[in-house]
Amino acid sequence: MAPSAWAICWLLGGLLLHGGSSGPSPGPSVPRLRLSYRGAMVRKPSSTMWMETFSRYLLSANRSAIFLGPQGSLNLQAMYLDEYRDRLFLGGLDALYSLRLDQAWPDPREVLWPPQPGQREECVRKGRDPLTECANFVRVLQPHNRTHLLACGTGAFQPTCALITVGHRGEHVLHLEPGSVESGRG
């Protein structure tokens, strides 16, 4: 190799090692948050192999945590990313979740929100599947004010909305305001 080629290699190598900047490097350029809609919506047993491979990849990258919920499947319907609070709110099957994004482990909070008493039974009497249709699928998560989210769910074919207390910045609380539950029909 010619001496000028060696000089160019040394120069490029030095730039790569130094990061190409005059000051300290802030670290690798990685996404602040990686969400996979496909991974969140996995429900079929045939997709298990894909999910296991995807999970292994994220864990091997050592910058992701896998959260599947208490039953092993979130059955997600809604997500709300609150960058001010560094939290991700998830709405799924009969439940709401809050995950902290500023920690290595998400430290989840959960609120169970099944259909109102009698709604599930009425749904089954109408001939619907009790496992896949007669549940409260949380479909809407929107900020209401600084300390609350508005959440709406299907309520076993009787839409329901409620206020969810999420607290102030720095607090990690999540609970349903019982007096705020009302019909979600227009």
N, C-alpha and C. Protein backbone atom coordinates (compact mmCIF):
# COMPACT_ATOMS: atom_id res chain seq x y z
N MET A 1 0.85 -1.17 0.00
CA MET A 1 0.00 0.00 0.00
C MET A 1 0.90 1.24 0.00
N ALA A 2 0.53 2.22 -0.76
CA ALA A 2 1.32 3.45 -0.88
C ALA A 2 1.25 4.23 0.43
N PRO A 3 2.30 5.03 0.71
CA PRO A 3 2.32 5.81 1.96
C PRO A 3 1.13 6.75 2.08
N SER A 4 0.66 7.32 0.97
CA SER A 4 -0.49 8.23 1.05
C SER A 4 -1.76 7.46 1.44
N ALA A 5 -1.89 6.21 0.98
CA ALA A 5 -3.05 5.39 1.35
C ALA A 5 -3.03 5.09 2.84
N TRP A 6 -1.83 4.80 3.40
CA TRP A 6 -1.72 4.56 4.84
C TRP A 6 -2.11 5.81 5.63
N ALA A 7 -1.70 6.95 5.14
CA ALA A 7 -2.02 8.20 5.83
C ALA A 7 -3.53 8.43 5.86
N ILE A 8 -4.19 8.14 4.74
CA ILE A 8 -5.65 8.30 4.68
C ILE A 8 -6.33 7.32 5.63
N CYS A 9 -5.85 6.06 5.67
CA CYS A 9 -6.42 5.06 6.59
C CYS A 9 -6.27 5.51 8.04
N TRP A 10 -5.08 6.02 8.42
CA TRP A 10 -4.86 6.49 9.77
C TRP A 10 -5.76 7.68 10.10
N LEU A 11 -5.91 8.58 9.14
CA LEU A 11 -6.76 9.74 9.36
C LEU A 11 -8.22 9.33 9.56
N LEU A 12 -8.72 8.46 8.68
CA LEU A 12 -10.11 7.99 8.81
C LEU A 12 -10.31 7.19 10.09
N GLY A 13 -9.34 6.33 10.42
CA GLY A 13 -9.43 5.56 11.66
C GLY A 13 -9.48 6.46 12.88
N GLY A 14 -8.66 7.50 12.88
CA GLY A 14 -8.66 8.46 13.99
C GLY A 14 -9.98 9.19 14.11
N LEU A 15 -10.54 9.58 12.96
CA LEU A 15 -11.84 10.26 12.99
C LEU A 15 -12.93 9.34 13.50
N LEU A 16 -12.89 8.08 13.07
CA LEU A 16 -13.91 7.13 13.53
C LEU A 16 -13.80 6.88 15.03
N LEU A 17 -12.58 6.73 15.53
CA LEU A 17 -12.40 6.49 16.96
C LEU A 17 -12.76 7.72 17.78
N HIS A 18 -12.44 8.89 17.27
CA HIS A 18 -12.72 10.12 17.99
C HIS A 18 -14.18 10.52 17.90
N GLY A 19 -14.88 10.06 16.89
CA GLY A 19 -16.29 10.39 16.72
C GLY A 19 -16.51 11.55 15.79
N GLY A 20 -15.45 12.13 15.27
CA GLY A 20 -15.59 13.20 14.31
C GLY A 20 -16.02 14.53 14.90
N SER A 21 -15.95 14.70 16.22
CA SER A 21 -16.36 15.97 16.82
C SER A 21 -15.23 16.51 17.67
N SER A 22 -15.29 17.79 17.99
CA SER A 22 -14.23 18.39 18.79
C SER A 22 -14.48 18.20 20.28
N GLY A 23 -15.70 17.95 20.68
CA GLY A 23 -16.04 17.77 22.08
C GLY A 23 -16.32 16.31 22.39
N PRO A 24 -16.65 16.03 23.65
CA PRO A 24 -16.97 14.65 24.01
C PRO A 24 -18.23 14.18 23.29
N SER A 25 -18.22 12.94 22.92
CA SER A 25 -19.35 12.36 22.19
C SER A 25 -20.49 12.09 23.17
N PRO A 26 -21.75 12.44 22.83
CA PRO A 26 -22.87 12.22 23.74
C PRO A 26 -23.29 10.76 23.81
N GLY A 27 -22.66 9.90 23.06
CA GLY A 27 -23.03 8.49 23.06
C GLY A 27 -23.57 8.09 21.71
N PRO A 28 -23.89 6.83 21.58
CA PRO A 28 -24.38 6.36 20.28
C PRO A 28 -25.74 6.98 19.96
N SER A 29 -25.98 7.15 18.70
CA SER A 29 -27.25 7.71 18.26
C SER A 29 -28.26 6.58 18.14
N VAL A 30 -29.04 6.39 19.18
CA VAL A 30 -30.05 5.33 19.17
C VAL A 30 -31.41 5.97 19.40
N PRO A 31 -32.45 5.34 18.94
CA PRO A 31 -33.79 5.89 19.19
C PRO A 31 -34.07 5.94 20.68
N ARG A 32 -34.78 6.98 21.11
CA ARG A 32 -35.16 7.08 22.52
C ARG A 32 -36.15 5.99 22.90
N LEU A 33 -36.97 5.62 21.95
CA LEU A 33 -37.99 4.63 22.22
C LEU A 33 -38.27 3.87 20.94
N ARG A 34 -38.28 2.57 21.02
CA ARG A 34 -38.60 1.76 19.86
C ARG A 34 -39.87 0.99 20.17
N LEU A 35 -40.91 1.27 19.41
CA LEU A 35 -42.18 0.59 19.57
C LEU A 35 -42.43 -0.24 18.33
N SER A 36 -42.90 -1.43 18.53
CA SER A 36 -43.25 -2.27 17.40
C SER A 36 -44.74 -2.54 17.47
N TYR A 37 -45.49 -1.91 16.59
CA TYR A 37 -46.93 -2.14 16.56
C TYR A 37 -47.20 -3.61 16.29
N ARG A 38 -46.44 -4.19 15.35
CA ARG A 38 -46.64 -5.60 15.01
C ARG A 38 -46.39 -6.49 16.23
N GLY A 39 -45.33 -6.20 16.97
CA GLY A 39 -45.03 -6.99 18.16
C GLY A 39 -46.10 -6.85 19.23
N ALA A 40 -46.68 -5.67 19.34
CA ALA A 40 -47.71 -5.44 20.35
C ALA A 40 -49.02 -6.12 19.98
N MET A 41 -49.27 -6.29 18.70
CA MET A 41 -50.54 -6.85 18.25
C MET A 41 -50.49 -8.36 18.02
N VAL A 42 -49.35 -9.00 18.34
CA VAL A 42 -49.24 -10.44 18.11
C VAL A 42 -50.26 -11.17 18.97
N ARG A 43 -51.10 -11.97 18.33
CA ARG A 43 -52.11 -12.74 19.07
C ARG A 43 -52.12 -14.20 18.65
N LYS A 44 -51.66 -14.49 17.45
CA LYS A 44 -51.79 -15.83 16.90
C LYS A 44 -50.63 -16.72 17.36
N PRO A 45 -50.89 -18.00 17.67
CA PRO A 45 -49.81 -18.91 18.05
C PRO A 45 -48.76 -19.04 16.96
N SER A 46 -49.14 -18.90 15.68
CA SER A 46 -48.18 -19.03 14.60
C SER A 46 -47.16 -17.89 14.62
N SER A 47 -47.47 -16.80 15.32
CA SER A 47 -46.56 -15.67 15.39
C SER A 47 -45.58 -15.79 16.54
N THR A 48 -45.67 -16.86 17.33
CA THR A 48 -44.82 -17.02 18.50
C THR A 48 -43.35 -17.05 18.12
N MET A 49 -43.01 -17.75 17.04
CA MET A 49 -41.62 -17.85 16.63
C MET A 49 -41.06 -16.47 16.29
N TRP A 50 -41.83 -15.66 15.57
CA TRP A 50 -41.38 -14.31 15.23
C TRP A 50 -41.16 -13.49 16.50
N MET A 51 -42.10 -13.57 17.45
CA MET A 51 -42.01 -12.79 18.68
C MET A 51 -40.79 -13.20 19.49
N GLU A 52 -40.51 -14.50 19.58
CA GLU A 52 -39.34 -14.96 20.33
C GLU A 52 -38.06 -14.46 19.69
N THR A 53 -37.98 -14.50 18.37
CA THR A 53 -36.79 -14.01 17.66
C THR A 53 -36.64 -12.51 17.88
N PHE A 54 -37.73 -11.77 17.76
CA PHE A 54 -37.71 -10.32 17.95
C PHE A 54 -37.29 -9.99 19.39
N SER A 55 -37.83 -10.71 20.37
CA SER A 55 -37.49 -10.47 21.77
C SER A 55 -36.02 -10.74 22.02
N ARG A 56 -35.50 -11.85 21.46
CA ARG A 56 -34.09 -12.17 21.63
C ARG A 56 -33.20 -11.07 21.05
N TYR A 57 -33.59 -10.53 19.88
CA TYR A 57 -32.82 -9.46 19.27
C TYR A 57 -32.79 -8.23 20.17
N LEU A 58 -33.94 -7.81 20.68
CA LEU A 58 -34.00 -6.61 21.52
C LEU A 58 -33.19 -6.80 22.80
N LEU A 59 -33.30 -7.98 23.41
CA LEU A 59 -32.56 -8.22 24.64
C LEU A 59 -31.06 -8.30 24.38
N SER A 60 -30.66 -8.87 23.24
CA SER A 60 -29.23 -8.95 22.92
C SER A 60 -28.66 -7.57 22.65
N ALA A 61 -29.48 -6.64 22.19
CA ALA A 61 -29.02 -5.27 21.97
C ALA A 61 -28.82 -4.56 23.31
N ASN A 62 -29.29 -5.14 24.40
CA ASN A 62 -29.11 -4.65 25.76
C ASN A 62 -29.63 -3.23 25.95
N ARG A 63 -30.72 -2.90 25.29
CA ARG A 63 -31.30 -1.58 25.49
C ARG A 63 -32.82 -1.62 25.46
N SER A 64 -33.38 -2.79 25.64
CA SER A 64 -34.83 -2.91 25.60
C SER A 64 -35.29 -3.87 26.69
N ALA A 65 -36.49 -3.63 27.16
CA ALA A 65 -37.13 -4.54 28.11
C ALA A 65 -38.43 -5.01 27.48
N ILE A 66 -38.74 -6.27 27.66
CA ILE A 66 -39.96 -6.84 27.11
C ILE A 66 -41.02 -6.86 28.20
N PHE A 67 -42.16 -6.28 27.92
CA PHE A 67 -43.28 -6.26 28.86
C PHE A 67 -44.47 -6.90 28.18
N LEU A 68 -44.93 -8.03 28.70
CA LEU A 68 -46.04 -8.75 28.10
C LEU A 68 -47.29 -8.74 28.95
N GLY A 69 -47.27 -8.07 30.09
CA GLY A 69 -48.45 -8.03 30.93
C GLY A 69 -48.57 -9.27 31.78
N PRO A 70 -49.48 -9.27 32.74
CA PRO A 70 -49.61 -10.39 33.67
C PRO A 70 -50.08 -11.69 33.02
N GLN A 71 -50.89 -11.60 31.96
CA GLN A 71 -51.37 -12.82 31.31
C GLN A 71 -50.47 -13.26 30.17
N GLY A 72 -49.37 -12.56 29.92
CA GLY A 72 -48.45 -12.93 28.85
C GLY A 72 -48.81 -12.33 27.51
N SER A 73 -49.91 -11.63 27.41
CA SER A 73 -50.30 -10.97 26.17
C SER A 73 -51.07 -9.71 26.52
N LEU A 74 -50.65 -8.59 25.94
CA LEU A 74 -51.30 -7.32 26.26
C LEU A 74 -52.57 -7.10 25.48
N ASN A 75 -52.64 -7.64 24.28
CA ASN A 75 -53.79 -7.41 23.40
C ASN A 75 -54.06 -5.91 23.29
N LEU A 76 -53.01 -5.18 22.93
CA LEU A 76 -53.06 -3.71 22.92
C LEU A 76 -54.04 -3.16 21.91
N GLN A 77 -54.71 -2.11 22.31
CA GLN A 77 -55.64 -1.39 21.45
C GLN A 77 -55.27 0.09 21.38
N ALA A 78 -54.59 0.63 22.40
CA ALA A 78 -54.26 2.06 22.43
C ALA A 78 -52.93 2.28 23.14
N MET A 79 -52.20 3.29 22.68
CA MET A 79 -50.95 3.70 23.31
C MET A 79 -50.92 5.22 23.38
N TYR A 80 -50.33 5.73 24.46
CA TYR A 80 -50.12 7.17 24.58
C TYR A 80 -48.74 7.39 25.19
N LEU A 81 -47.86 8.03 24.45
CA LEU A 81 -46.51 8.32 24.92
C LEU A 81 -46.51 9.72 25.54
N ASP A 82 -46.19 9.80 26.82
CA ASP A 82 -46.12 11.07 27.53
C ASP A 82 -44.65 11.37 27.80
N GLU A 83 -44.04 12.15 26.93
CA GLU A 83 -42.61 12.45 27.07
C GLU A 83 -42.35 13.37 28.26
N TYR A 84 -43.29 14.19 28.65
CA TYR A 84 -43.11 15.07 29.80
C TYR A 84 -42.93 14.24 31.08
N ARG A 85 -43.71 13.21 31.24
CA ARG A 85 -43.62 12.34 32.42
C ARG A 85 -42.68 11.15 32.21
N ASP A 86 -42.15 10.96 31.01
CA ASP A 86 -41.32 9.80 30.67
C ASP A 86 -42.08 8.50 30.94
N ARG A 87 -43.32 8.45 30.44
CA ARG A 87 -44.13 7.26 30.64
C ARG A 87 -44.85 6.88 29.36
N LEU A 88 -45.09 5.60 29.24
CA LEU A 88 -45.87 5.06 28.13
C LEU A 88 -47.12 4.44 28.74
N PHE A 89 -48.28 4.90 28.28
CA PHE A 89 -49.55 4.36 28.76
C PHE A 89 -50.08 3.42 27.70
N LEU A 90 -50.55 2.26 28.13
CA LEU A 90 -51.06 1.24 27.22
C LEU A 90 -52.47 0.87 27.62
N GLY A 91 -53.33 0.71 26.64
CA GLY A 91 -54.70 0.26 26.88
C GLY A 91 -54.89 -1.06 26.17
N GLY A 92 -55.41 -2.03 26.88
CA GLY A 92 -55.57 -3.35 26.29
C GLY A 92 -56.87 -4.00 26.73
N LEU A 93 -56.83 -5.29 26.86
CA LEU A 93 -57.98 -6.10 27.23
C LEU A 93 -58.24 -5.99 28.73
N ASP A 94 -59.31 -5.31 29.11
CA ASP A 94 -59.73 -5.16 30.51
C ASP A 94 -58.66 -4.54 31.41
N ALA A 95 -57.70 -3.80 30.85
CA ALA A 95 -56.64 -3.25 31.69
C ALA A 95 -55.97 -2.04 31.03
N LEU A 96 -55.37 -1.22 31.89
CA LEU A 96 -54.52 -0.10 31.49
C LEU A 96 -53.17 -0.30 32.17
N TYR A 97 -52.10 0.11 31.50
CA TYR A 97 -50.76 -0.02 32.05
C TYR A 97 -50.02 1.30 31.92
N SER A 98 -49.12 1.54 32.86
CA SER A 98 -48.22 2.68 32.80
C SER A 98 -46.80 2.15 32.98
N LEU A 99 -45.93 2.46 32.01
CA LEU A 99 -44.54 2.01 32.06
C LEU A 99 -43.64 3.23 32.15
N ARG A 100 -42.69 3.20 33.07
CA ARG A 100 -41.71 4.29 33.17
C ARG A 100 -40.64 4.08 32.13
N LEU A 101 -40.28 5.14 31.45
CA LEU A 101 -39.28 5.05 30.39
C LEU A 101 -37.91 5.52 30.84
N ASP A 102 -37.81 6.09 32.03
CA ASP A 102 -36.54 6.63 32.49
C ASP A 102 -35.74 5.64 33.33
N GLN A 103 -36.13 4.38 33.32
CA GLN A 103 -35.42 3.35 34.07
C GLN A 103 -35.12 2.18 33.16
N ALA A 104 -34.17 1.35 33.57
CA ALA A 104 -33.83 0.17 32.78
C ALA A 104 -35.01 -0.80 32.73
N TRP A 105 -35.70 -0.97 33.84
CA TRP A 105 -36.88 -1.83 33.88
C TRP A 105 -38.10 -0.93 33.97
N PRO A 106 -39.15 -1.21 33.22
CA PRO A 106 -40.26 -0.27 33.12
C PRO A 106 -41.09 -0.06 34.38
N ASP A 107 -40.97 -0.89 35.42
CA ASP A 107 -41.72 -0.73 36.67
C ASP A 107 -43.20 -0.48 36.39
N PRO A 108 -43.90 -1.47 35.84
CA PRO A 108 -45.28 -1.25 35.38
C PRO A 108 -46.28 -1.03 36.51
N ARG A 109 -47.26 -0.19 36.21
CA ARG A 109 -48.44 -0.03 37.06
C ARG A 109 -49.62 -0.53 36.24
N GLU A 110 -50.61 -1.10 36.92
CA GLU A 110 -51.73 -1.70 36.21
C GLU A 110 -53.04 -1.28 36.87
N VAL A 111 -54.04 -1.02 36.04
CA VAL A 111 -55.40 -0.79 36.50
C VAL A 111 -56.28 -1.77 35.75
N LEU A 112 -56.95 -2.63 36.48
CA LEU A 112 -57.90 -3.55 35.84
C LEU A 112 -59.20 -2.79 35.60
N TRP A 113 -59.73 -2.90 34.38
CA TRP A 113 -60.95 -2.18 34.02
C TRP A 113 -61.85 -3.08 33.19
N PRO A 114 -62.46 -4.08 33.84
CA PRO A 114 -63.37 -4.96 33.10
C PRO A 114 -64.69 -4.24 32.82
N PRO A 115 -65.57 -4.85 32.03
CA PRO A 115 -66.88 -4.23 31.80
C PRO A 115 -67.64 -4.05 33.12
N GLN A 116 -68.59 -3.13 33.12
CA GLN A 116 -69.42 -2.89 34.30
C GLN A 116 -70.21 -4.17 34.63
N PRO A 117 -70.64 -4.33 35.89
CA PRO A 117 -71.43 -5.51 36.25
C PRO A 117 -72.65 -5.67 35.35
N GLY A 118 -72.83 -6.86 34.83
CA GLY A 118 -73.97 -7.16 33.98
C GLY A 118 -73.70 -6.98 32.49
N GLN A 119 -72.72 -6.17 32.12
CA GLN A 119 -72.45 -5.93 30.70
C GLN A 119 -71.93 -7.19 29.99
N ARG A 120 -71.03 -7.91 30.64
CA ARG A 120 -70.47 -9.12 30.03
C ARG A 120 -71.57 -10.17 29.84
N GLU A 121 -72.42 -10.35 30.85
CA GLU A 121 -73.49 -11.34 30.77
C GLU A 121 -74.48 -10.98 29.65
N GLU A 122 -74.81 -9.70 29.54
CA GLU A 122 -75.72 -9.26 28.48
C GLU A 122 -75.10 -9.49 27.10
N CYS A 123 -73.83 -9.27 26.98
CA CYS A 123 -73.11 -9.49 25.72
C CYS A 123 -73.16 -10.97 25.33
N VAL A 124 -72.96 -11.85 26.30
CA VAL A 124 -73.00 -13.29 26.04
C VAL A 124 -74.41 -13.72 25.65
N ARG A 125 -75.43 -13.15 26.33
CA ARG A 125 -76.83 -13.48 25.99
C ARG A 125 -77.16 -13.09 24.55
N LYS A 126 -76.49 -12.08 24.02
CA LYS A 126 -76.73 -11.65 22.64
C LYS A 126 -75.99 -12.52 21.63
N GLY A 127 -75.31 -13.56 22.12
CA GLY A 127 -74.67 -14.51 21.22
C GLY A 127 -73.24 -14.19 20.84
N ARG A 128 -72.61 -13.29 21.55
CA ARG A 128 -71.22 -12.93 21.24
C ARG A 128 -70.26 -13.81 22.03
N ASP A 129 -69.04 -13.93 21.51
CA ASP A 129 -68.01 -14.77 22.14
C ASP A 129 -67.53 -14.11 23.44
N PRO A 130 -67.65 -14.80 24.58
CA PRO A 130 -67.27 -14.20 25.86
C PRO A 130 -65.77 -13.91 25.98
N LEU A 131 -64.92 -14.63 25.25
CA LEU A 131 -63.48 -14.43 25.37
C LEU A 131 -62.94 -13.34 24.45
N THR A 132 -63.49 -13.23 23.26
CA THR A 132 -62.92 -12.29 22.28
C THR A 132 -63.77 -11.04 22.04
N GLU A 133 -65.02 -11.04 22.46
CA GLU A 133 -65.88 -9.89 22.18
C GLU A 133 -66.47 -9.23 23.42
N CYS A 134 -66.69 -10.00 24.47
CA CYS A 134 -67.38 -9.47 25.66
C CYS A 134 -66.39 -9.02 26.72
N ALA A 135 -65.55 -8.09 26.35
CA ALA A 135 -64.56 -7.53 27.26
C ALA A 135 -64.53 -6.02 27.08
N ASN A 136 -63.74 -5.37 27.88
CA ASN A 136 -63.55 -3.93 27.73
C ASN A 136 -62.21 -3.70 27.05
N PHE A 137 -62.23 -3.51 25.75
CA PHE A 137 -61.02 -3.21 25.00
C PHE A 137 -60.81 -1.70 25.07
N VAL A 138 -59.76 -1.26 25.75
CA VAL A 138 -59.47 0.18 25.87
C VAL A 138 -58.98 0.67 24.52
N ARG A 139 -59.73 1.60 23.92
CA ARG A 139 -59.43 2.07 22.57
C ARG A 139 -58.91 3.50 22.52
N VAL A 140 -59.19 4.31 23.55
CA VAL A 140 -58.81 5.72 23.53
C VAL A 140 -58.05 6.06 24.80
N LEU A 141 -56.89 6.69 24.64
CA LEU A 141 -56.12 7.25 25.75
C LEU A 141 -55.70 8.65 25.32
N GLN A 142 -56.25 9.67 25.97
CA GLN A 142 -55.96 11.06 25.61
C GLN A 142 -55.74 11.87 26.88
N PRO A 143 -54.84 12.84 26.83
CA PRO A 143 -54.65 13.69 28.01
C PRO A 143 -55.90 14.52 28.28
N HIS A 144 -56.29 14.59 29.55
CA HIS A 144 -57.45 15.39 29.95
C HIS A 144 -56.99 16.70 30.58
N ASN A 145 -56.04 16.58 31.51
CA ASN A 145 -55.39 17.74 32.12
C ASN A 145 -54.01 17.30 32.59
N ARG A 146 -53.37 18.05 33.46
CA ARG A 146 -52.00 17.71 33.86
C ARG A 146 -51.88 16.43 34.67
N THR A 147 -52.95 16.00 35.30
CA THR A 147 -52.87 14.84 36.19
C THR A 147 -53.78 13.69 35.78
N HIS A 148 -54.52 13.82 34.68
CA HIS A 148 -55.48 12.79 34.30
C HIS A 148 -55.45 12.49 32.81
N LEU A 149 -55.76 11.26 32.49
CA LEU A 149 -56.00 10.84 31.11
C LEU A 149 -57.48 10.50 30.97
N LEU A 150 -58.01 10.71 29.78
CA LEU A 150 -59.35 10.23 29.46
C LEU A 150 -59.17 8.90 28.76
N ALA A 151 -59.80 7.87 29.28
CA ALA A 151 -59.73 6.54 28.68
C ALA A 151 -61.13 6.10 28.31
N CYS A 152 -61.27 5.52 27.13
CA CYS A 152 -62.56 4.98 26.69
C CYS A 152 -62.36 3.56 26.21
N GLY A 153 -63.31 2.71 26.54
CA GLY A 153 -63.25 1.32 26.13
C GLY A 153 -64.57 0.85 25.57
N THR A 154 -64.55 -0.34 24.99
CA THR A 154 -65.74 -0.89 24.34
C THR A 154 -66.78 -1.34 25.34
N GLY A 155 -66.39 -1.71 26.56
CA GLY A 155 -67.34 -2.08 27.61
C GLY A 155 -68.30 -3.18 27.20
N ALA A 156 -67.83 -4.22 26.52
CA ALA A 156 -68.68 -5.33 26.07
C ALA A 156 -69.87 -4.80 25.26
N PHE A 157 -69.57 -3.98 24.25
CA PHE A 157 -70.55 -3.38 23.34
C PHE A 157 -71.42 -2.33 24.01
N GLN A 158 -70.98 -1.81 25.16
CA GLN A 158 -71.62 -0.68 25.81
C GLN A 158 -70.50 0.29 26.19
N PRO A 159 -70.08 1.15 25.24
CA PRO A 159 -68.89 1.99 25.44
C PRO A 159 -68.90 2.75 26.76
N THR A 160 -67.73 2.82 27.37
CA THR A 160 -67.55 3.44 28.67
C THR A 160 -66.31 4.33 28.63
N CYS A 161 -66.38 5.47 29.28
CA CYS A 161 -65.22 6.36 29.42
C CYS A 161 -65.01 6.66 30.90
N ALA A 162 -63.76 6.95 31.26
CA ALA A 162 -63.43 7.28 32.65
C ALA A 162 -62.16 8.12 32.68
N LEU A 163 -61.98 8.82 33.80
CA LEU A 163 -60.74 9.55 34.02
C LEU A 163 -59.77 8.65 34.77
N ILE A 164 -58.52 8.68 34.35
CA ILE A 164 -57.47 7.89 34.97
C ILE A 164 -56.47 8.86 35.59
N THR A 165 -56.23 8.74 36.89
CA THR A 165 -55.25 9.59 37.56
C THR A 165 -53.86 9.08 37.25
N VAL A 166 -53.01 9.97 36.72
CA VAL A 166 -51.63 9.60 36.40
C VAL A 166 -50.62 10.40 37.22
N GLY A 167 -51.09 11.36 38.00
CA GLY A 167 -50.23 12.13 38.88
C GLY A 167 -49.43 13.21 38.17
N HIS A 168 -48.58 13.86 38.94
CA HIS A 168 -47.72 14.91 38.42
C HIS A 168 -46.42 14.31 37.93
N ARG A 169 -45.60 15.13 37.30
CA ARG A 169 -44.30 14.68 36.83
C ARG A 169 -43.48 14.18 38.02
N GLY A 170 -42.83 13.04 37.85
CA GLY A 170 -42.04 12.45 38.92
C GLY A 170 -42.81 11.42 39.74
N GLU A 171 -44.12 11.50 39.75
CA GLU A 171 -44.94 10.50 40.44
C GLU A 171 -45.24 9.36 39.47
N HIS A 172 -45.34 8.18 39.99
CA HIS A 172 -45.72 7.05 39.15
C HIS A 172 -46.96 6.39 39.75
N VAL A 173 -48.08 7.05 39.54
CA VAL A 173 -49.36 6.54 40.04
C VAL A 173 -50.26 6.26 38.85
N LEU A 174 -51.18 5.37 39.04
CA LEU A 174 -52.16 5.04 38.01
C LEU A 174 -53.37 4.44 38.72
N HIS A 175 -54.49 5.14 38.68
CA HIS A 175 -55.72 4.55 39.20
C HIS A 175 -56.93 5.19 38.54
N LEU A 176 -57.98 4.42 38.47
CA LEU A 176 -59.23 4.84 37.85
C LEU A 176 -60.05 5.63 38.86
N GLU A 177 -60.57 6.77 38.44
CA GLU A 177 -61.44 7.57 39.30
C GLU A 177 -62.84 6.96 39.25
N PRO A 178 -63.30 6.28 40.32
CA PRO A 178 -64.58 5.56 40.26
C PRO A 178 -65.78 6.45 39.94
N GLY A 179 -65.80 7.67 40.41
CA GLY A 179 -66.94 8.56 40.16
C GLY A 179 -66.97 9.14 38.76
N SER A 180 -65.93 8.90 37.97
CA SER A 180 -65.86 9.51 36.64
C SER A 180 -66.33 8.57 35.53
N VAL A 181 -66.65 7.33 35.85
CA VAL A 181 -67.07 6.37 34.82
C VAL A 181 -68.44 6.76 34.29
N GLU A 182 -68.53 6.89 32.97
CA GLU A 182 -69.81 7.24 32.34
C GLU A 182 -69.91 6.59 30.97
N SER A 183 -71.08 6.66 30.40
CA SER A 183 -71.32 6.08 29.09
C SER A 183 -70.47 6.78 28.04
N GLY A 184 -69.95 6.00 27.12
CA GLY A 184 -69.13 6.55 26.05
C GLY A 184 -69.91 6.82 24.78
N ARG A 185 -71.20 6.63 24.83
CA ARG A 185 -72.03 6.91 23.64
C ARG A 185 -72.23 8.42 23.52
N GLY A 186 -72.20 8.91 22.27
CA GLY A 186 -72.33 10.34 21.98
C GLY A 186 -73.60 10.89 22.48
